[in-house]
Amino acid sequence: MSGSMIFRMVLASLLALAIAGCSTIREGRTIDYKTTRTLPPLEVPPDLPGISPADRGAPATGTTFSTFTAGRDTTQQPSATAAVLPIFPNMRLERDHQARWLVVKGDAETLWLRMREFLSAHGLLVAKENPRTGIIETDWAENRAKVGTGSQRVLATWLGSLYSTGLRDRYRVVIERGTEAGMVNIIINHQGMEEVVNREGNTGASGDIVKTVWQPRASDPALELEMLRLLMVHLGAKDEVAKTAVAQAATKPAERAQLKRNGQSAFLNLEENIDRAWRRVGISLDRGGFTVEDRDRSKWTYYIRYVDPDRKTKKAKDDELRISLRESGQGTAIEILDREGAPAVATTRDRILGLLHEQLK
């Protein structure tokens, strides 16, 4: 019997098993991750990096997450405008426009370990973590729940790469002390990549060189909400409570961010007090894939590294920028500055302001 005939027989058997087992597939499942460490590495564009090399390992000896959180200001209470969603004892989901996060009663060290446990339970491997900055970043993973029909998912389980979505996800988790004593904020931000076909050559379709490349895709708030729902259940909430909280958090808010220009200067005006603007900008930078090298809440400044794809000259110092927040009337003004604190190059400034506007509006 030939090898090809054996393969067809095995494939037919698997298909029969898949069809027979379709009733056991939970069609409502939206997350079923498989790590991509066994798959070819992704070619991540230069403007979609991870945490800086200095942040890839643990902090210096003797530095713990409790040390990091000890300096956080816990005296300010949440704004009355924040949407407090259905409450489970010791846990609640909050919304501030497009930003959603979980507020949990407990200590940061324990919740750090529970978060790592949660990611592992859902098929996500930790690629980078830094207790000093309170950040955990997962490896790229494929969501197998999106692979075709129920029978195709069964086949994909058996044959791995037979079916593929061409999509990859990773998550950046921020764990920080909340504004209330004894409470911890857990923020989950999604980043995505997609595989696209790239043809090269001028000799017609038959002579083209066909290859695939990975390119960034927009963050998916629905996936972030689903991860928050699953995390609530993992931490002890009933599924019905978590679903209700997520359903209310999914409501689209009114736009409250505007791009402003004054002569040669430009900034983003956010109709939020500076405390809430600080959190929302941090979430937006994570969703946008920026490398946040440091953050100084006392100066309301994020220090980022950004490579402008349109700039021909590549100088390391030109990549170092500041996202500066300042109070402006009843809201907050957000400015893009260079490493010295002067206004950034206009093209770079406008590009970053545009990206932030899309996230914050």
Protein backbone atom coordinates (compact mmCIF):
# COMPACT_ATOMS: atom_id res chain seq x y z
CA MET A 1 0.00 0.00 0.00
CA SER A 2 1.47 3.39 -1.02
CA GLY A 3 2.29 6.12 1.47
CA SER A 4 -0.18 8.54 -0.09
CA MET A 5 -3.00 5.99 0.20
CA ILE A 6 -2.19 5.43 3.87
CA PHE A 7 -2.23 9.19 4.45
CA ARG A 8 -5.65 9.51 2.79
CA MET A 9 -7.01 6.67 4.92
CA VAL A 10 -5.70 8.27 8.11
CA LEU A 11 -7.11 11.63 7.06
CA ALA A 12 -10.51 10.09 6.35
CA SER A 13 -10.50 8.40 9.74
CA LEU A 14 -9.66 11.63 11.48
CA LEU A 15 -12.44 13.41 9.60
CA ALA A 16 -14.92 10.77 10.70
CA LEU A 17 -13.79 11.14 14.30
CA ALA A 18 -14.06 14.91 13.99
CA ILE A 19 -17.62 14.78 12.69
CA ALA A 20 -18.60 12.27 15.35
CA GLY A 21 -17.08 14.44 18.04
CA CYS A 22 -18.52 17.76 16.96
CA SER A 23 -21.20 17.60 19.60
CA THR A 24 -18.53 17.66 22.28
CA ILE A 25 -16.97 20.89 20.97
CA ARG A 26 -18.03 23.96 22.86
CA GLU A 27 -18.90 26.23 19.96
CA GLY A 28 -19.24 29.23 22.29
CA ARG A 29 -15.60 29.09 23.34
CA THR A 30 -13.69 32.16 22.18
CA ILE A 31 -10.19 31.52 23.58
CA ASP A 32 -8.12 28.38 23.15
CA TYR A 33 -4.47 29.36 22.84
CA LYS A 34 -1.52 27.39 21.60
CA THR A 35 1.92 28.87 22.06
CA THR A 36 3.91 29.60 18.91
CA ARG A 37 7.31 28.68 20.32
CA THR A 38 7.19 25.54 18.19
CA LEU A 39 6.27 27.58 15.11
CA PRO A 40 8.58 29.70 12.93
CA PRO A 41 9.53 32.92 14.73
CA LEU A 42 7.60 36.06 13.93
CA GLU A 43 9.40 38.91 12.22
CA VAL A 44 8.26 41.75 14.45
CA PRO A 45 8.49 45.21 12.83
CA PRO A 46 10.89 47.67 14.49
CA ASP A 47 8.04 49.86 15.71
CA LEU A 48 6.29 46.94 17.43
CA PRO A 49 8.95 45.80 19.92
CA GLY A 50 8.51 44.20 23.28
CA ILE A 51 9.82 45.44 26.57
CA SER A 52 13.32 46.83 26.33
CA PRO A 53 16.23 44.38 26.81
CA ALA A 54 16.88 45.79 30.27
CA ASP A 55 13.38 44.72 31.30
CA ARG A 56 13.55 41.13 30.10
CA GLY A 57 14.84 39.64 33.30
CA ALA A 58 14.12 40.09 36.96
CA PRO A 59 15.20 43.32 38.62
CA ALA A 60 18.40 43.71 40.56
CA THR A 61 18.90 41.47 43.58
CA GLY A 62 16.79 42.59 46.51
CA THR A 63 14.19 44.45 44.44
CA THR A 64 10.71 42.94 44.77
CA PHE A 65 7.27 43.83 43.48
CA SER A 66 6.35 45.05 46.95
CA THR A 67 9.24 47.51 46.68
CA PHE A 68 7.89 48.71 43.35
CA THR A 69 4.35 49.18 44.67
CA ALA A 70 5.38 50.68 48.00
CA GLY A 71 5.81 54.14 46.48
CA ARG A 72 2.43 54.24 44.78
CA ASP A 73 0.01 56.95 45.88
CA THR A 74 -3.01 55.31 47.52
CA THR A 75 -4.64 58.43 48.95
CA GLN A 76 -6.65 59.44 45.90
CA GLN A 77 -10.06 57.93 45.44
CA PRO A 78 -11.58 56.91 42.09
CA SER A 79 -13.44 59.60 40.19
CA ALA A 80 -17.21 59.53 40.47
CA THR A 81 -17.33 59.40 36.67
CA ALA A 82 -15.74 55.95 36.56
CA ALA A 83 -18.18 53.19 35.72
CA VAL A 84 -18.14 50.66 38.56
CA LEU A 85 -19.57 47.44 37.19
CA PRO A 86 -21.18 44.42 38.95
CA ILE A 87 -19.21 43.51 42.06
CA PHE A 88 -18.04 40.09 43.21
CA PRO A 89 -16.73 40.04 46.80
CA ASN A 90 -13.18 41.47 46.80
CA MET A 91 -13.26 42.05 43.02
CA ARG A 92 -14.84 44.38 40.50
CA LEU A 93 -14.45 45.34 36.85
CA GLU A 94 -14.04 49.05 36.11
CA ARG A 95 -14.33 51.00 32.89
CA ASP A 96 -12.94 54.36 31.89
CA HIS A 97 -14.02 54.95 28.28
CA GLN A 98 -12.16 52.35 26.20
CA ALA A 99 -10.01 51.19 29.10
CA ARG A 100 -11.19 48.27 31.24
CA TRP A 101 -9.37 46.73 34.17
CA LEU A 102 -9.92 44.49 37.14
CA VAL A 103 -9.67 45.79 40.71
CA VAL A 104 -8.90 43.00 43.19
CA LYS A 105 -8.47 43.03 46.95
CA GLY A 106 -5.19 41.40 47.92
CA ASP A 107 -1.45 41.77 47.90
CA ALA A 108 0.48 42.29 44.68
CA GLU A 109 2.89 39.37 45.18
CA THR A 110 0.08 36.79 45.50
CA LEU A 111 -1.84 38.21 42.54
CA TRP A 112 1.37 38.19 40.48
CA LEU A 113 1.64 34.43 41.04
CA ARG A 114 -2.09 33.91 40.37
CA MET A 115 -1.75 35.84 37.10
CA ARG A 116 1.11 33.62 35.93
CA GLU A 117 -0.97 30.59 36.91
CA PHE A 118 -3.94 31.94 34.93
CA LEU A 119 -1.89 32.54 31.78
CA SER A 120 -0.42 29.05 31.93
CA ALA A 121 -3.87 27.50 32.42
CA HIS A 122 -5.03 29.14 29.18
CA GLY A 123 -2.09 28.04 27.06
CA LEU A 124 -0.10 31.28 27.21
CA LEU A 125 3.60 31.14 28.06
CA VAL A 126 5.33 34.01 29.81
CA ALA A 127 7.96 35.47 27.47
CA LYS A 128 9.09 38.42 29.60
CA GLU A 129 8.36 39.60 33.09
CA ASN A 130 9.64 42.39 35.29
CA PRO A 131 8.36 42.68 38.85
CA ARG A 132 10.06 46.09 39.11
CA THR A 133 7.70 47.61 36.55
CA GLY A 134 4.81 45.24 37.27
CA ILE A 135 4.69 43.89 33.70
CA ILE A 136 4.16 40.35 32.41
CA GLU A 137 4.25 39.77 28.66
CA THR A 138 3.20 36.51 27.01
CA ASP A 139 4.69 34.74 24.05
CA TRP A 140 2.89 34.99 20.70
CA ALA A 141 0.11 32.40 20.48
CA GLU A 142 -2.56 31.27 18.05
CA ASN A 143 -6.17 31.23 19.20
CA ARG A 144 -7.27 27.76 18.12
CA ALA A 145 -10.90 28.56 18.99
CA LYS A 146 -10.96 30.58 15.73
CA VAL A 147 -9.84 27.66 13.56
CA GLY A 148 -12.79 26.92 11.30
CA THR A 149 -15.68 24.67 12.28
CA GLY A 150 -15.90 22.16 15.11
CA SER A 151 -14.64 19.34 12.87
CA GLN A 152 -11.74 21.48 11.66
CA ARG A 153 -10.74 22.24 15.23
CA VAL A 154 -10.61 18.54 16.01
CA LEU A 155 -8.46 17.96 12.93
CA ALA A 156 -6.26 20.92 13.85
CA THR A 157 -5.70 19.35 17.27
CA TRP A 158 -4.49 16.14 15.60
CA LEU A 159 -2.57 17.58 12.68
CA GLY A 160 -1.39 20.89 14.12
CA SER A 161 -0.67 23.05 11.09
CA LEU A 162 -3.33 21.59 8.77
CA TYR A 163 -5.58 24.49 9.69
CA SER A 164 -4.29 27.88 10.79
CA THR A 165 -5.89 31.25 11.40
CA GLY A 166 -2.87 33.25 10.24
CA LEU A 167 -3.33 35.35 13.38
CA ARG A 168 -1.20 35.58 16.50
CA ASP A 169 -1.94 37.26 19.82
CA ARG A 170 0.06 38.24 22.84
CA TYR A 171 -0.90 40.02 26.02
CA ARG A 172 0.86 42.54 28.21
CA VAL A 173 -0.37 42.48 31.80
CA VAL A 174 0.19 45.43 34.12
CA ILE A 175 -0.20 44.80 37.86
CA GLU A 176 -0.15 47.91 40.04
CA ARG A 177 -1.31 49.11 43.42
CA GLY A 178 -4.77 50.65 43.14
CA THR A 179 -5.97 54.03 44.37
CA GLU A 180 -7.70 52.33 47.31
CA ALA A 181 -5.73 50.81 50.17
CA GLY A 182 -5.40 47.03 49.87
CA MET A 183 -6.60 46.96 46.23
CA VAL A 184 -4.60 46.00 43.14
CA ASN A 185 -5.32 46.93 39.51
CA ILE A 186 -4.84 44.27 36.83
CA ILE A 187 -4.79 45.59 33.27
CA ILE A 188 -4.67 43.24 30.26
CA ASN A 189 -3.68 44.71 26.90
CA HIS A 190 -3.82 42.80 23.61
CA GLN A 191 -1.39 43.03 20.70
CA GLY A 192 -1.93 41.21 17.41
CA MET A 193 -0.09 40.09 14.29
CA GLU A 194 -1.41 38.64 11.03
CA GLU A 195 0.24 36.64 8.29
CA VAL A 196 -0.14 38.09 4.78
CA VAL A 197 0.96 36.85 1.37
CA ASN A 198 3.67 38.84 -0.36
CA ARG A 199 4.38 38.24 -4.07
CA GLU A 200 7.65 39.28 -5.65
CA GLY A 201 8.61 39.23 -9.32
CA ASN A 202 7.36 40.53 -12.68
CA THR A 203 7.11 37.34 -14.65
CA GLY A 204 3.46 36.68 -14.09
CA ALA A 205 1.67 34.63 -11.47
CA SER A 206 3.51 31.42 -12.34
CA GLY A 207 6.92 33.07 -11.96
CA ASP A 208 6.21 35.11 -8.84
CA ILE A 209 8.05 34.33 -5.66
CA VAL A 210 5.37 33.85 -3.02
CA LYS A 211 6.19 34.21 0.66
CA THR A 212 4.33 35.19 3.77
CA VAL A 213 5.25 37.94 6.21
CA TRP A 214 3.88 38.94 9.60
CA GLN A 215 2.55 42.43 10.13
CA PRO A 216 0.82 44.13 13.09
CA ARG A 217 -2.96 44.24 13.34
CA ALA A 218 -5.15 46.35 15.57
CA SER A 219 -5.59 45.44 19.22
CA ASP A 220 -8.86 43.66 19.97
CA PRO A 221 -10.81 45.07 22.98
CA ALA A 222 -13.19 42.09 22.79
CA LEU A 223 -10.30 39.69 23.46
CA GLU A 224 -9.15 41.86 26.37
CA LEU A 225 -12.64 41.72 27.88
CA GLU A 226 -12.81 37.95 27.40
CA MET A 227 -9.47 37.54 29.15
CA LEU A 228 -10.71 39.71 32.03
CA ARG A 229 -13.86 37.58 32.27
CA LEU A 230 -11.82 34.38 32.40
CA LEU A 231 -9.52 35.94 34.99
CA MET A 232 -12.48 36.86 37.19
CA VAL A 233 -13.66 33.26 37.08
CA HIS A 234 -10.11 32.03 37.77
CA LEU A 235 -10.00 34.23 40.88
CA GLY A 236 -13.31 32.90 42.18
CA ALA A 237 -16.17 34.86 40.62
CA LYS A 238 -19.19 33.03 39.28
CA ASP A 239 -19.34 32.90 35.49
CA GLU A 240 -22.73 34.65 35.42
CA VAL A 241 -21.38 37.59 37.42
CA ALA A 242 -18.31 37.85 35.18
CA LYS A 243 -20.44 37.74 32.01
CA THR A 244 -22.72 40.50 33.31
CA ALA A 245 -19.75 42.70 34.19
CA VAL A 246 -18.15 42.21 30.79
CA ALA A 247 -21.42 42.88 28.94
CA GLN A 248 -21.77 46.25 30.68
CA ALA A 249 -18.10 47.07 30.15
CA ALA A 250 -18.47 46.51 26.40
CA THR A 251 -20.72 49.58 26.00
CA LYS A 252 -19.09 52.10 23.67
CA PRO A 253 -18.42 55.43 25.44
CA ALA A 254 -18.73 58.93 24.06
CA GLU A 255 -15.62 60.45 22.45
CA ARG A 256 -13.66 62.65 24.85
CA ALA A 257 -10.28 63.19 23.17
CA GLN A 258 -9.47 65.86 20.59
CA LEU A 259 -6.36 66.72 18.62
CA LYS A 260 -5.46 70.38 19.11
CA ARG A 261 -3.10 72.67 17.18
CA ASN A 262 -1.68 76.03 18.14
CA GLY A 263 0.57 77.39 15.41
CA GLN A 264 3.44 74.94 14.97
CA SER A 265 2.62 73.05 18.17
CA ALA A 266 0.16 70.19 18.56
CA PHE A 267 -1.16 68.17 21.48
CA LEU A 268 -3.95 65.81 22.43
CA ASN A 269 -6.60 67.13 24.82
CA LEU A 270 -8.27 64.50 26.98
CA GLU A 271 -11.39 65.37 28.97
CA GLU A 272 -10.16 63.54 32.06
CA ASN A 273 -8.39 64.52 35.24
CA ILE A 274 -4.69 63.82 35.12
CA ASP A 275 -4.88 60.71 37.33
CA ARG A 276 -7.25 58.93 34.97
CA ALA A 277 -5.48 60.28 31.91
CA TRP A 278 -2.24 58.77 33.22
CA ARG A 279 -3.77 55.29 33.39
CA ARG A 280 -5.47 55.55 30.00
CA VAL A 281 -2.32 56.74 28.25
CA GLY A 282 -0.36 53.85 29.78
CA ILE A 283 -2.91 51.35 28.48
CA SER A 284 -2.88 52.97 25.04
CA LEU A 285 0.92 52.78 24.82
CA ASP A 286 0.80 49.07 25.65
CA ARG A 287 -1.94 48.41 23.10
CA GLY A 288 0.04 50.32 20.49
CA GLY A 289 3.12 48.18 21.06
CA PHE A 290 5.36 51.02 22.20
CA THR A 291 8.41 50.21 24.29
CA VAL A 292 7.86 51.97 27.61
CA GLU A 293 11.34 52.12 29.07
CA ASP A 294 10.34 54.02 32.20
CA ARG A 295 7.47 55.94 33.74
CA ASP A 296 7.59 58.72 36.32
CA ARG A 297 4.20 59.43 37.82
CA SER A 298 5.60 62.31 39.90
CA LYS A 299 6.42 64.10 36.62
CA TRP A 300 3.45 62.63 34.70
CA THR A 301 5.88 61.38 32.05
CA TYR A 302 6.29 58.14 30.10
CA TYR A 303 9.69 57.50 28.55
CA ILE A 304 9.32 55.50 25.34
CA ARG A 305 11.39 54.31 22.40
CA TYR A 306 9.78 54.69 18.99
CA VAL A 307 11.16 54.11 15.49
CA ASP A 308 9.40 56.28 12.92
CA PRO A 309 9.08 54.14 9.75
CA ASP A 310 9.21 57.27 7.55
CA ARG A 311 12.47 58.59 8.95
CA LYS A 312 15.49 57.81 6.78
CA THR A 313 18.18 58.57 9.36
CA LYS A 314 18.25 56.04 12.19
CA LYS A 315 19.82 57.50 15.32
CA ALA A 316 19.32 55.86 18.68
CA LYS A 317 18.87 59.16 20.53
CA ASP A 318 16.16 60.21 18.09
CA ASP A 319 14.13 57.17 19.11
CA GLU A 320 13.95 58.25 22.77
CA LEU A 321 10.82 60.29 23.41
CA ARG A 322 8.72 61.52 26.28
CA ILE A 323 4.95 61.37 26.55
CA SER A 324 4.23 64.29 28.87
CA LEU A 325 0.91 64.95 30.61
CA ARG A 326 -0.12 68.25 32.21
CA GLU A 327 -3.32 69.64 33.64
CA SER A 328 -5.19 71.88 31.20
CA GLY A 329 -8.41 73.47 32.41
CA GLN A 330 -10.80 70.65 33.35
CA GLY A 331 -8.83 68.11 31.31
CA THR A 332 -5.33 66.92 30.50
CA ALA A 333 -3.00 67.90 27.66
CA ILE A 334 -0.73 65.20 26.22
CA GLU A 335 2.44 66.29 24.44
CA ILE A 336 5.20 64.44 22.59
CA LEU A 337 8.71 65.63 23.51
CA ASP A 338 12.21 64.54 22.54
CA ARG A 339 14.73 63.14 25.01
CA GLU A 340 15.75 66.66 26.09
CA GLY A 341 12.18 67.80 26.74
CA ALA A 342 11.85 69.92 23.58
CA PRO A 343 8.99 69.41 21.08
CA ALA A 344 9.52 66.24 19.02
CA VAL A 345 9.95 66.25 15.24
CA ALA A 346 6.58 67.16 13.74
CA THR A 347 6.14 64.01 11.64
CA THR A 348 6.93 61.73 14.58
CA ARG A 349 4.81 63.83 16.96
CA ASP A 350 1.78 63.76 14.66
CA ARG A 351 2.06 60.02 14.07
CA ILE A 352 2.17 59.22 17.78
CA LEU A 353 -0.60 61.68 18.63
CA GLY A 354 -2.72 60.06 15.92
CA LEU A 355 -2.12 56.59 17.33
CA LEU A 356 -2.95 57.74 20.86
CA HIS A 357 -6.06 59.56 19.63
CA GLU A 358 -7.40 56.37 18.09
CA GLN A 359 -7.01 54.62 21.43
CA LEU A 360 -8.25 57.45 23.67
CA LYS A 361 -11.13 58.98 21.73
